[in-house]
Amino acid sequence: MNDIFETIKTIAFEIDHVIKAEDVGYSDSENSSGEDQLKLDVQSDLIIEKAFADVASVKALVSEEKEGVLELSPTGKYTVCYDPLDGSSLVDVNLSVGSIFGIYEGELEGKNLVASAYTVYGPRVELIIATRKGKPKVSRVIDGKFQEVFELTMNEKGIFNASGGTQQNWCDYHKTFIDDLFEEGYHLRYSGGMVPDLHQIMVKGGGIFSYPGTSDKPNGKLRQLFEVIPFALMYEQAGGQAINNKGMRLLELVPSHPHDTSPCFFGSNYEITALREAYGIKV
């Protein structure tokens, strides 16, 4: 998979340049979920598609911005599912955004995710890679190239809370859970970008990121193949947990469609245990 990771590094430099130099307005198109696409979404998607076109180990690509599967190499081993620019609507206010990659071998389901990666485009450009062995590794651009700087390890308990979804659409027990966290002294950290919020919780040692099912989006908002499952591997390998609203490990999800979504909760062991209790989930 090293060829895939090296390609992601090249992609990171190109997307970082586009973010800093190009138009951040809306395009005339919509993505597969019917959402208006920013020009940066479209450009980032094209950069990734072009970069992987000649990577022999990549069988196919599945983009959050497109319907269907793009077949590349019949002899390839892996399918790369990706969100080209998560949080792109934050670029115009100069907040961190990112790209997310899930690398699957075989059918597109959680158990077949062999590695994941995400890039953070912020004051510094960082790349985090997780496999099924060892802690996620953080590399940072130093003197024009990526250099590994540390591994991610989560504490048993954190102090940060990032909770998505419109509060008026939360169910009562989710609201009670979040209120209880604040009563315990948790700090709110929510930018509206999945990558920077989940990254912050891991780097700072722990806490919880939640995007529950809501009255307007009962199946959640975040997409399983591109966002949910890749970050589940990150959190589990860092020593945390990642589950849905039924207590199922997100790494056991079996999407029926490439753009299926799921309620999702990523956190340290303490917070996930508290969530299970709040939701009435039996271990």
Foldseek 3Di string as FASTA:
>chain_A
DVLVVVLVQVLLVVLLCCLVDHDQAWDPDAFPVRHTHTPSQVVLVVSSCVSCQPVAQEQWEAERRYFDIGGRHPPHFWYKYKHRWFPSVCSVVQAKIKIKIFIAGPAQALLRGAKIKMWINHPWIKIWIFGLDAFIWIWTQDPRGTDTDDGWAADLADQEEEEDDDPVFDDPLVVVLVVVSVVVPHDYDYDNTPVVVLVVQRVRRWDKYWFAQTPVRNFTDDFLRHRQSNVQRNQVNNQAAKAFLQRHGSSGGDDPGRGGGHTMMGTRNVSVVSSCVSSVHDD
